[in-house]
Protein backbone atom coordinates (compact mmCIF):
# COMPACT_ATOMS: atom_id res chain seq x y z
CA UNK A 1 -94.55 -0.63 18.42
CA UNK A 2 -93.24 -4.10 17.61
CA UNK A 3 -90.06 -2.56 16.21
CA UNK A 4 -89.66 -0.59 19.47
CA UNK A 5 -89.25 -3.88 21.37
CA UNK A 6 -86.10 -4.65 19.37
CA UNK A 7 -84.53 -1.37 20.46
CA UNK A 8 -85.62 -1.76 24.10
CA UNK A 9 -83.81 -5.08 24.44
CA UNK A 10 -80.63 -3.62 22.93
CA UNK A 11 -80.94 -0.54 25.16
CA UNK A 12 -81.35 -2.70 28.27
CA UNK A 13 -78.24 -4.71 27.34
CA UNK A 14 -76.16 -1.58 26.74
CA UNK A 15 -77.38 0.71 29.51
CA UNK A 16 -78.46 -1.63 32.28
CA UNK A 17 -81.69 -1.48 34.28
CA UNK A 18 -84.29 1.02 33.15
CA UNK A 19 -84.87 2.50 36.61
CA UNK A 20 -81.27 3.76 36.70
CA UNK A 21 -81.77 6.06 33.69
CA UNK A 22 -85.42 7.09 33.95
CA UNK A 23 -86.20 10.77 34.16
CA UNK A 24 -89.37 10.31 36.23
CA UNK A 25 -87.78 10.81 39.69
CA UNK A 26 -85.98 13.92 38.48
CA UNK A 27 -89.15 15.27 36.87
CA UNK A 28 -91.12 14.66 40.07
CA UNK A 29 -88.59 16.50 42.22
CA UNK A 30 -88.44 19.35 39.71
CA UNK A 31 -92.24 19.60 39.83
CA UNK A 32 -92.06 19.99 43.61
CA UNK A 33 -89.34 22.62 43.32
CA UNK A 34 -91.29 24.52 40.65
CA UNK A 35 -94.30 24.59 42.96
CA UNK A 36 -92.16 26.48 45.51
CA UNK A 37 -91.75 29.48 43.20
CA UNK A 38 -93.45 32.55 44.72
CA UNK A 39 -91.39 35.33 43.16
CA UNK A 40 -91.17 34.83 39.40
CA UNK A 41 -88.36 37.39 39.14
CA UNK A 42 -86.13 35.28 41.41
CA UNK A 43 -87.33 31.65 40.99
CA UNK A 44 -84.13 30.03 42.29
CA UNK A 45 -84.22 32.04 45.51
CA UNK A 46 -87.88 31.13 46.05
CA UNK A 47 -87.11 27.46 45.53
CA UNK A 48 -84.22 27.54 47.99
CA UNK A 49 -86.22 29.45 50.61
CA UNK A 50 -89.20 27.07 50.46
CA UNK A 51 -86.99 23.98 50.35
CA UNK A 52 -85.04 25.09 53.44
CA UNK A 53 -88.32 25.93 55.22
CA UNK A 54 -89.72 22.47 54.45
CA UNK A 55 -86.52 20.75 55.59
CA UNK A 56 -86.56 22.72 58.85
CA UNK A 57 -90.19 21.81 59.51
CA UNK A 58 -89.50 18.12 58.77
CA UNK A 59 -86.46 18.15 61.05
CA UNK A 60 -88.43 19.74 63.88
CA UNK A 61 -91.33 17.33 63.46
CA UNK A 62 -88.96 14.33 63.52
CA UNK A 63 -87.09 15.81 66.51
CA UNK A 64 -90.38 16.04 68.37
CA UNK A 65 -91.71 12.72 67.09
CA UNK A 66 -93.93 12.06 70.12
CA UNK A 67 -95.82 15.33 69.63
CA UNK A 68 -98.82 15.69 67.31
CA UNK A 69 -97.80 17.82 64.31
CA UNK A 70 -99.81 20.98 63.70
CA UNK A 71 -100.23 22.38 60.20
CA UNK A 72 -98.44 19.52 58.47
CA UNK A 73 -100.65 17.34 56.34
CA UNK A 74 -100.51 13.63 57.07
CA UNK A 75 -99.57 11.30 54.20
CA UNK A 76 -102.46 9.50 52.56
CA UNK A 77 -100.57 6.27 52.17
CA UNK A 78 -98.09 4.63 54.47
CA UNK A 79 -94.65 3.61 53.34
CA UNK A 80 -94.89 0.35 55.30
CA UNK A 81 -97.81 -0.83 53.15
CA UNK A 82 -100.26 -1.26 56.03
CA UNK A 83 -103.48 0.73 55.81
CA UNK A 84 -103.86 2.03 59.36
CA UNK A 85 -107.48 2.96 58.82
CA UNK A 86 -108.43 -0.64 58.10
CA UNK A 87 -105.99 -2.50 60.32
CA UNK A 88 -106.35 -0.82 63.70
CA UNK A 89 -103.02 0.50 64.94
CA UNK A 90 -101.08 -0.60 61.86
CA UNK A 91 -98.90 -3.23 63.52
CA UNK A 92 -98.34 -6.55 61.81
CA UNK A 93 -98.04 -9.58 64.04
CA UNK A 94 -96.62 -12.90 62.94
CA UNK A 95 -97.86 -15.98 64.73
CA UNK A 96 -96.06 -19.27 65.06
CA UNK A 97 -97.40 -22.51 63.62
CA UNK A 98 -98.27 -23.73 67.13
CA UNK A 99 -100.31 -20.58 67.85
CA UNK A 100 -102.10 -20.93 64.51
CA UNK A 101 -102.93 -24.58 65.26
CA UNK A 102 -104.18 -23.62 68.72
CA UNK A 103 -106.43 -20.92 67.24
CA UNK A 104 -107.80 -23.37 64.70
CA UNK A 105 -108.47 -25.92 67.47
CA UNK A 106 -110.47 -23.32 69.41
CA UNK A 107 -112.54 -22.51 66.32
CA UNK A 108 -113.14 -26.19 65.62
CA UNK A 109 -114.10 -27.06 69.20
CA UNK A 110 -116.65 -24.25 69.31
CA UNK A 111 -118.41 -25.27 66.11
CA UNK A 112 -121.52 -27.46 66.45
CA UNK A 113 -120.88 -29.21 63.11
CA UNK A 114 -117.55 -30.54 64.43
CA UNK A 115 -118.84 -32.05 67.70
CA UNK A 116 -119.47 -35.50 66.21
CA UNK A 117 -115.92 -35.54 64.80
CA UNK A 118 -114.52 -34.58 68.21
CA UNK A 119 -116.35 -37.49 69.83
CA UNK A 120 -115.07 -39.89 67.14
CA UNK A 121 -111.49 -38.68 67.57
CA UNK A 122 -111.59 -39.00 71.38
CA UNK A 123 -113.01 -42.54 71.09
CA UNK A 124 -110.23 -43.43 68.66
CA UNK A 125 -107.62 -42.08 71.07
CA UNK A 126 -109.13 -43.98 74.02
CA UNK A 127 -108.72 -47.18 72.05
CA UNK A 128 -105.05 -46.36 71.47
CA UNK A 129 -103.98 -45.49 75.08
CA UNK A 130 -100.56 -46.97 75.85
CA UNK A 131 -100.42 -49.29 78.90
CA UNK A 132 -97.63 -47.33 80.59
CA UNK A 133 -99.69 -44.13 80.91
CA UNK A 134 -100.87 -43.41 84.47
CA UNK A 135 -103.22 -40.47 83.85
CA UNK A 136 -105.13 -41.77 80.85
CA UNK A 137 -107.67 -38.90 80.68
CA UNK A 138 -104.91 -36.27 80.57
CA UNK A 139 -103.10 -38.22 77.85
CA UNK A 140 -106.28 -38.39 75.74
CA UNK A 141 -106.89 -34.64 76.10
CA UNK A 142 -103.27 -33.74 75.32
CA UNK A 143 -103.14 -36.09 72.34
CA UNK A 144 -106.51 -34.78 71.11
CA UNK A 145 -105.28 -31.19 71.26
CA UNK A 146 -102.09 -32.10 69.39
CA UNK A 147 -103.56 -34.26 66.64
CA UNK A 148 -107.20 -33.28 66.14
CA UNK A 149 -106.70 -30.60 63.46
CA UNK A 150 -104.61 -32.85 61.23
CA UNK A 151 -106.87 -35.88 61.87
CA UNK A 152 -109.97 -33.84 60.96
CA UNK A 153 -108.30 -32.50 57.83
CA UNK A 154 -107.38 -36.03 56.71
CA UNK A 155 -110.88 -37.32 57.54
CA UNK A 156 -112.57 -34.52 55.58
CA UNK A 157 -110.22 -34.98 52.61
CA UNK A 158 -111.03 -38.70 52.60
CA UNK A 159 -114.77 -37.97 52.66
CA UNK A 160 -114.37 -35.41 49.87
CA UNK A 161 -112.94 -38.17 47.71
CA UNK A 162 -116.23 -40.05 47.99
CA UNK A 163 -118.93 -39.35 45.42
CA UNK A 164 -121.82 -38.27 47.71
CA UNK A 165 -119.98 -36.94 50.75
CA UNK A 166 -122.74 -34.57 51.96
CA UNK A 167 -120.30 -32.17 53.65
CA UNK A 168 -121.27 -28.52 53.95
CA UNK A 169 -119.07 -25.81 52.47
CA UNK A 170 -118.55 -24.29 55.92
CA UNK A 171 -117.38 -27.63 57.31
CA UNK A 172 -114.96 -28.12 54.42
CA UNK A 173 -113.48 -24.64 54.83
CA UNK A 174 -112.93 -24.62 58.57
CA UNK A 175 -111.64 -28.18 58.70
CA UNK A 176 -109.00 -27.58 56.04
CA UNK A 177 -107.48 -24.76 58.08
CA UNK A 178 -106.36 -21.21 57.50
CA UNK A 179 -104.44 -21.89 54.30
CA UNK A 180 -107.22 -24.02 52.80
CA UNK A 181 -105.30 -27.18 52.46
């Protein structure tokens, strides 16, 4: 087997990528065609007849894509890689960073372990209110919503650096955010 590795490297250099010369796709398609044989005296005709029938059924089912197919088995796996049985309707949604931060803020504000940190952050912001601001309460709330997640993450990371921090695992996980750090 070790000697085989020497020949595989040379073969890859001479012939190019392995996938371009593999026989597996051809063997798979031949297996499907062989399964179409009904008349062993005329195998080619059986293959052609079944292949044309399958193509016609596929064309009709794609032509009537909004209609539920009858008699055609549904594929077990999806080509898009999303398991529809586990993921609802199978759609993948990408959220922006702002939406992710907003979702994390909602989770944090509704957690009883975080309430003391919320009070500390609001007090810190009240001490930092600029003089030019007319509506000070609105500024504090807006600034809290913008900066709380990052402030909490930095605060928790600082406390984790201490020897006996006493932070719960749940508090560490939710304060560090969705990506864990």
